[in-house]
Amino acid sequence: MSRVISAAGLFTALLWASTADAVSVTNRDDKDVKLTVIEGEAKGDHILKPSQELKEVCQKGCIIRLNDSENDEYELEGSEVVSIEEGYLYYDGPDVHAESGPGVAGQPSGPGKQ
């Protein structure tokens, strides 16, 4: 019986850890936003309506592109909770990185980076 309980506890811990380390994105704009998630060689497009949330994407880090613009690319590590406001990506938590500046998810990682 204790093996079953131990296995169930381990499974629950692994399940929680895998979802805790995934990016969640909420569209706080008043218009639809096209979100492209690039994770390694995989690429997926999503249309987020106002107030819609995309949960548990890019668990091992990825690039998030807004509205097909290579100048609006953000590199994420895989544990961030972010939102889109006025066309920009912002950290909501829990991993706010001090080097990214106040509230901003980071500098675009595309060719327009300065």
N, C-alpha and C. Protein backbone atom coordinates (compact mmCIF):
# COMPACT_ATOMS: atom_id res chain seq x y z
N MET A 1 0.82 -1.19 0.00
CA MET A 1 0.00 0.00 0.00
C MET A 1 0.86 1.26 0.00
N SER A 2 1.97 1.24 0.76
CA SER A 2 2.81 2.44 0.82
C SER A 2 3.49 2.71 -0.52
N ARG A 3 3.75 1.65 -1.32
CA ARG A 3 4.33 1.86 -2.65
C ARG A 3 3.35 2.60 -3.56
N VAL A 4 2.08 2.28 -3.44
CA VAL A 4 1.06 2.95 -4.26
C VAL A 4 0.98 4.42 -3.88
N ILE A 5 1.00 4.70 -2.57
CA ILE A 5 0.95 6.08 -2.10
C ILE A 5 2.20 6.83 -2.53
N SER A 6 3.37 6.19 -2.42
CA SER A 6 4.62 6.84 -2.84
C SER A 6 4.61 7.12 -4.34
N ALA A 7 4.14 6.16 -5.13
CA ALA A 7 4.09 6.36 -6.58
C ALA A 7 3.11 7.47 -6.94
N ALA A 8 1.98 7.52 -6.26
CA ALA A 8 1.00 8.58 -6.52
C ALA A 8 1.57 9.94 -6.15
N GLY A 9 2.29 10.02 -5.03
CA GLY A 9 2.90 11.27 -4.61
C GLY A 9 3.97 11.73 -5.59
N LEU A 10 4.78 10.81 -6.08
CA LEU A 10 5.82 11.14 -7.05
C LEU A 10 5.20 11.62 -8.36
N PHE A 11 4.17 10.92 -8.82
CA PHE A 11 3.48 11.32 -10.05
C PHE A 11 2.90 12.73 -9.92
N THR A 12 2.27 13.00 -8.78
CA THR A 12 1.68 14.33 -8.55
C THR A 12 2.76 15.40 -8.53
N ALA A 13 3.89 15.11 -7.89
CA ALA A 13 4.99 16.08 -7.83
C ALA A 13 5.55 16.35 -9.23
N LEU A 14 5.71 15.30 -10.03
CA LEU A 14 6.22 15.49 -11.39
C LEU A 14 5.23 16.26 -12.25
N LEU A 15 3.96 15.96 -12.11
CA LEU A 15 2.93 16.68 -12.85
C LEU A 15 2.91 18.15 -12.47
N TRP A 16 2.99 18.46 -11.20
CA TRP A 16 3.00 19.85 -10.73
C TRP A 16 4.24 20.57 -11.23
N ALA A 17 5.39 19.92 -11.16
CA ALA A 17 6.64 20.56 -11.59
C ALA A 17 6.61 20.87 -13.08
N SER A 18 6.04 19.98 -13.89
CA SER A 18 6.05 20.24 -15.32
C SER A 18 5.13 21.40 -15.69
N THR A 19 4.01 21.57 -15.00
CA THR A 19 3.13 22.69 -15.33
C THR A 19 3.61 23.98 -14.69
N ALA A 20 4.37 23.88 -13.59
CA ALA A 20 4.87 25.09 -12.94
C ALA A 20 5.96 25.74 -13.78
N ASP A 21 6.63 24.96 -14.62
CA ASP A 21 7.72 25.48 -15.44
C ASP A 21 7.30 25.69 -16.89
N ALA A 22 6.17 26.31 -17.08
CA ALA A 22 5.69 26.59 -18.43
C ALA A 22 5.23 28.04 -18.50
N VAL A 23 5.36 28.62 -19.67
CA VAL A 23 4.96 30.01 -19.88
C VAL A 23 3.44 30.10 -20.00
N SER A 24 2.86 31.13 -19.39
CA SER A 24 1.45 31.48 -19.57
C SER A 24 1.40 32.91 -20.09
N VAL A 25 0.57 33.14 -21.11
CA VAL A 25 0.46 34.46 -21.74
C VAL A 25 -1.00 34.89 -21.72
N THR A 26 -1.27 36.12 -21.25
CA THR A 26 -2.62 36.68 -21.25
C THR A 26 -2.63 37.92 -22.13
N ASN A 27 -3.65 38.02 -22.99
CA ASN A 27 -3.81 39.21 -23.83
C ASN A 27 -4.64 40.23 -23.06
N ARG A 28 -4.02 41.31 -22.61
CA ARG A 28 -4.71 42.38 -21.89
C ARG A 28 -5.03 43.56 -22.83
N ASP A 29 -4.74 43.40 -24.11
CA ASP A 29 -5.10 44.42 -25.10
C ASP A 29 -6.58 44.33 -25.42
N ASP A 30 -7.08 45.36 -26.10
CA ASP A 30 -8.50 45.37 -26.48
C ASP A 30 -8.71 44.85 -27.90
N LYS A 31 -7.65 44.25 -28.50
CA LYS A 31 -7.77 43.68 -29.84
C LYS A 31 -7.06 42.33 -29.88
N ASP A 32 -7.36 41.52 -30.90
CA ASP A 32 -6.72 40.22 -31.08
C ASP A 32 -5.22 40.41 -31.29
N VAL A 33 -4.44 39.44 -30.82
CA VAL A 33 -2.99 39.44 -31.01
C VAL A 33 -2.59 38.08 -31.56
N LYS A 34 -1.78 38.10 -32.62
CA LYS A 34 -1.23 36.85 -33.13
C LYS A 34 0.05 36.57 -32.37
N LEU A 35 0.11 35.39 -31.79
CA LEU A 35 1.25 34.98 -30.97
C LEU A 35 1.89 33.77 -31.64
N THR A 36 3.17 33.87 -31.97
CA THR A 36 3.90 32.75 -32.53
C THR A 36 4.87 32.25 -31.47
N VAL A 37 4.80 30.96 -31.19
CA VAL A 37 5.68 30.33 -30.21
C VAL A 37 6.68 29.49 -30.97
N ILE A 38 7.97 29.81 -30.83
CA ILE A 38 9.04 29.09 -31.52
C ILE A 38 9.86 28.39 -30.44
N GLU A 39 9.79 27.06 -30.43
CA GLU A 39 10.49 26.26 -29.43
C GLU A 39 11.34 25.24 -30.17
N GLY A 40 12.65 25.55 -30.27
CA GLY A 40 13.53 24.70 -31.06
C GLY A 40 13.14 24.81 -32.53
N GLU A 41 12.88 23.67 -33.16
CA GLU A 41 12.45 23.64 -34.56
C GLU A 41 10.93 23.75 -34.69
N ALA A 42 10.21 23.59 -33.58
CA ALA A 42 8.75 23.64 -33.61
C ALA A 42 8.26 25.09 -33.57
N LYS A 43 7.20 25.35 -34.34
CA LYS A 43 6.64 26.70 -34.40
C LYS A 43 5.12 26.57 -34.42
N GLY A 44 4.46 27.34 -33.55
CA GLY A 44 3.00 27.29 -33.50
C GLY A 44 2.42 28.69 -33.41
N ASP A 45 1.35 28.92 -34.15
CA ASP A 45 0.67 30.22 -34.14
C ASP A 45 -0.63 30.12 -33.34
N HIS A 46 -0.93 31.18 -32.60
CA HIS A 46 -2.14 31.26 -31.79
C HIS A 46 -2.70 32.67 -31.94
N ILE A 47 -4.02 32.78 -32.04
CA ILE A 47 -4.69 34.07 -32.02
C ILE A 47 -5.32 34.22 -30.64
N LEU A 48 -4.88 35.22 -29.90
CA LEU A 48 -5.43 35.47 -28.57
C LEU A 48 -6.43 36.62 -28.64
N LYS A 49 -7.64 36.36 -28.27
CA LYS A 49 -8.68 37.38 -28.18
C LYS A 49 -8.42 38.21 -26.92
N PRO A 50 -9.02 39.40 -26.80
CA PRO A 50 -8.86 40.19 -25.58
C PRO A 50 -9.26 39.37 -24.34
N SER A 51 -8.44 39.44 -23.31
CA SER A 51 -8.60 38.73 -22.03
C SER A 51 -8.39 37.22 -22.12
N GLN A 52 -8.03 36.70 -23.27
CA GLN A 52 -7.79 35.26 -23.40
C GLN A 52 -6.40 34.93 -22.88
N GLU A 53 -6.27 33.74 -22.29
CA GLU A 53 -4.99 33.28 -21.75
C GLU A 53 -4.57 32.00 -22.45
N LEU A 54 -3.29 31.93 -22.79
CA LEU A 54 -2.69 30.72 -23.35
C LEU A 54 -1.81 30.15 -22.24
N LYS A 55 -2.15 28.95 -21.77
CA LYS A 55 -1.46 28.37 -20.62
C LYS A 55 -0.52 27.26 -21.04
N GLU A 56 0.53 27.10 -20.24
CA GLU A 56 1.45 25.98 -20.31
C GLU A 56 2.06 25.76 -21.69
N VAL A 57 2.63 26.82 -22.24
CA VAL A 57 3.36 26.70 -23.49
C VAL A 57 4.85 26.84 -23.21
N CYS A 58 5.65 26.38 -24.07
CA CYS A 58 7.12 26.47 -24.04
C CYS A 58 7.71 26.17 -22.67
N GLN A 59 7.70 24.90 -22.32
CA GLN A 59 8.17 24.46 -21.01
C GLN A 59 9.69 24.53 -20.85
N LYS A 60 10.43 24.50 -21.94
CA LYS A 60 11.90 24.51 -21.85
C LYS A 60 12.51 25.78 -22.42
N GLY A 61 11.71 26.82 -22.54
CA GLY A 61 12.19 28.06 -23.12
C GLY A 61 11.82 28.15 -24.58
N CYS A 62 11.61 29.38 -25.04
CA CYS A 62 11.19 29.58 -26.41
C CYS A 62 11.32 31.04 -26.79
N ILE A 63 10.98 31.33 -28.01
CA ILE A 63 10.87 32.70 -28.49
C ILE A 63 9.39 32.95 -28.75
N ILE A 64 8.90 34.07 -28.24
CA ILE A 64 7.52 34.50 -28.48
C ILE A 64 7.58 35.67 -29.44
N ARG A 65 6.85 35.56 -30.55
CA ARG A 65 6.79 36.64 -31.54
C ARG A 65 5.37 37.19 -31.56
N LEU A 66 5.25 38.51 -31.54
CA LEU A 66 3.94 39.16 -31.58
C LEU A 66 3.64 39.67 -32.98
N ASN A 67 2.46 39.31 -33.49
CA ASN A 67 1.94 39.81 -34.77
C ASN A 67 2.91 39.68 -35.94
N ASP A 68 3.60 38.54 -36.03
CA ASP A 68 4.51 38.23 -37.14
C ASP A 68 5.68 39.19 -37.29
N SER A 69 5.96 40.00 -36.29
CA SER A 69 7.05 40.97 -36.39
C SER A 69 8.34 40.40 -35.79
N GLU A 70 9.37 40.28 -36.61
CA GLU A 70 10.65 39.80 -36.11
C GLU A 70 11.28 40.81 -35.14
N ASN A 71 10.81 42.04 -35.16
CA ASN A 71 11.31 43.05 -34.22
C ASN A 71 10.59 42.97 -32.88
N ASP A 72 9.53 42.18 -32.79
CA ASP A 72 8.80 41.98 -31.54
C ASP A 72 8.93 40.54 -31.08
N GLU A 73 10.18 40.09 -30.91
CA GLU A 73 10.46 38.75 -30.43
C GLU A 73 11.00 38.84 -29.01
N TYR A 74 10.56 37.92 -28.16
CA TYR A 74 10.98 37.89 -26.77
C TYR A 74 11.43 36.47 -26.44
N GLU A 75 12.61 36.37 -25.85
CA GLU A 75 13.15 35.08 -25.47
C GLU A 75 12.78 34.80 -24.03
N LEU A 76 12.07 33.68 -23.80
CA LEU A 76 11.61 33.31 -22.47
C LEU A 76 12.25 32.00 -22.05
N GLU A 77 12.44 31.84 -20.74
CA GLU A 77 13.12 30.66 -20.22
C GLU A 77 12.19 29.48 -20.00
N GLY A 78 10.89 29.72 -19.85
CA GLY A 78 9.96 28.62 -19.69
C GLY A 78 9.19 28.62 -18.38
N SER A 79 9.44 29.58 -17.50
CA SER A 79 8.72 29.60 -16.22
C SER A 79 7.99 30.93 -16.00
N GLU A 80 7.96 31.78 -17.00
CA GLU A 80 7.38 33.10 -16.84
C GLU A 80 5.86 33.12 -16.99
N VAL A 81 5.26 34.10 -16.34
CA VAL A 81 3.86 34.44 -16.53
C VAL A 81 3.88 35.85 -17.10
N VAL A 82 3.41 36.01 -18.34
CA VAL A 82 3.53 37.29 -19.03
C VAL A 82 2.17 37.72 -19.56
N SER A 83 2.08 39.01 -19.90
CA SER A 83 0.86 39.52 -20.51
C SER A 83 1.22 40.46 -21.64
N ILE A 84 0.29 40.62 -22.55
CA ILE A 84 0.45 41.54 -23.68
C ILE A 84 -0.41 42.76 -23.39
N GLU A 85 0.24 43.92 -23.37
CA GLU A 85 -0.46 45.18 -23.13
C GLU A 85 0.10 46.22 -24.09
N GLU A 86 -0.80 46.88 -24.82
CA GLU A 86 -0.43 47.92 -25.78
C GLU A 86 0.64 47.45 -26.75
N GLY A 87 0.57 46.18 -27.15
CA GLY A 87 1.49 45.64 -28.14
C GLY A 87 2.83 45.19 -27.61
N TYR A 88 3.04 45.21 -26.28
CA TYR A 88 4.30 44.80 -25.68
C TYR A 88 4.07 43.65 -24.71
N LEU A 89 5.12 42.87 -24.49
CA LEU A 89 5.06 41.75 -23.56
C LEU A 89 5.63 42.19 -22.22
N TYR A 90 4.89 41.94 -21.14
CA TYR A 90 5.29 42.32 -19.78
C TYR A 90 5.27 41.12 -18.86
N TYR A 91 6.17 41.11 -17.90
CA TYR A 91 6.16 40.07 -16.86
C TYR A 91 5.06 40.35 -15.86
N ASP A 92 4.33 39.30 -15.49
CA ASP A 92 3.38 39.36 -14.40
C ASP A 92 3.94 38.63 -13.19
N GLY A 93 4.82 37.65 -13.40
CA GLY A 93 5.43 36.88 -12.33
C GLY A 93 5.54 35.44 -12.77
N PRO A 94 5.96 34.52 -12.02
CA PRO A 94 6.61 34.72 -10.74
C PRO A 94 8.08 35.03 -10.86
N ASP A 95 8.67 34.81 -12.05
CA ASP A 95 10.10 35.01 -12.22
C ASP A 95 10.40 36.34 -12.90
N VAL A 96 10.28 37.44 -12.17
CA VAL A 96 10.59 38.75 -12.73
C VAL A 96 12.10 38.93 -12.67
N HIS A 97 12.71 39.16 -13.83
CA HIS A 97 14.16 39.30 -13.92
C HIS A 97 14.56 40.76 -13.84
N ALA A 98 15.41 41.09 -12.89
CA ALA A 98 15.81 42.48 -12.67
C ALA A 98 16.48 43.09 -13.89
N GLU A 99 17.24 42.28 -14.65
CA GLU A 99 17.97 42.84 -15.78
C GLU A 99 17.06 43.22 -16.94
N SER A 100 15.78 42.82 -16.89
CA SER A 100 14.86 43.12 -17.98
C SER A 100 14.26 44.51 -17.88
N GLY A 101 14.44 45.17 -16.76
CA GLY A 101 13.86 46.49 -16.60
C GLY A 101 12.53 46.41 -15.89
N PRO A 102 11.95 47.55 -15.54
CA PRO A 102 10.72 47.57 -14.75
C PRO A 102 9.50 47.10 -15.53
N GLY A 103 9.13 45.85 -15.31
CA GLY A 103 7.91 45.32 -15.88
C GLY A 103 8.00 44.81 -17.30
N VAL A 104 9.04 45.14 -18.03
CA VAL A 104 9.14 44.74 -19.42
C VAL A 104 9.76 43.35 -19.50
N ALA A 105 9.21 42.48 -20.35
CA ALA A 105 9.66 41.10 -20.43
C ALA A 105 11.08 40.99 -20.95
N GLY A 106 11.55 41.90 -21.67
CA GLY A 106 12.90 41.82 -22.19
C GLY A 106 13.01 42.55 -23.50
N GLN A 107 14.20 42.73 -23.95
CA GLN A 107 14.42 43.39 -25.21
C GLN A 107 14.12 42.42 -26.33
N PRO A 108 13.60 42.90 -27.43
CA PRO A 108 13.40 42.01 -28.57
C PRO A 108 14.70 41.32 -28.94
N SER A 109 14.60 40.04 -29.32
CA SER A 109 15.80 39.29 -29.62
C SER A 109 16.11 39.24 -31.10
N GLY A 110 15.32 39.93 -31.91
CA GLY A 110 15.48 39.91 -33.37
C GLY A 110 16.55 40.86 -33.84
N PRO A 111 16.65 41.03 -35.15
CA PRO A 111 17.69 41.86 -35.75
C PRO A 111 17.59 43.33 -35.38
N GLY A 112 16.44 43.79 -34.94
CA GLY A 112 16.28 45.20 -34.57
C GLY A 112 16.76 45.52 -33.18
N LYS A 113 17.32 44.53 -32.47
CA LYS A 113 17.79 44.72 -31.09
C LYS A 113 18.95 45.71 -31.06
N GLN A 114 18.89 46.60 -30.07
CA GLN A 114 19.96 47.60 -29.95
C GLN A 114 20.76 47.40 -28.72
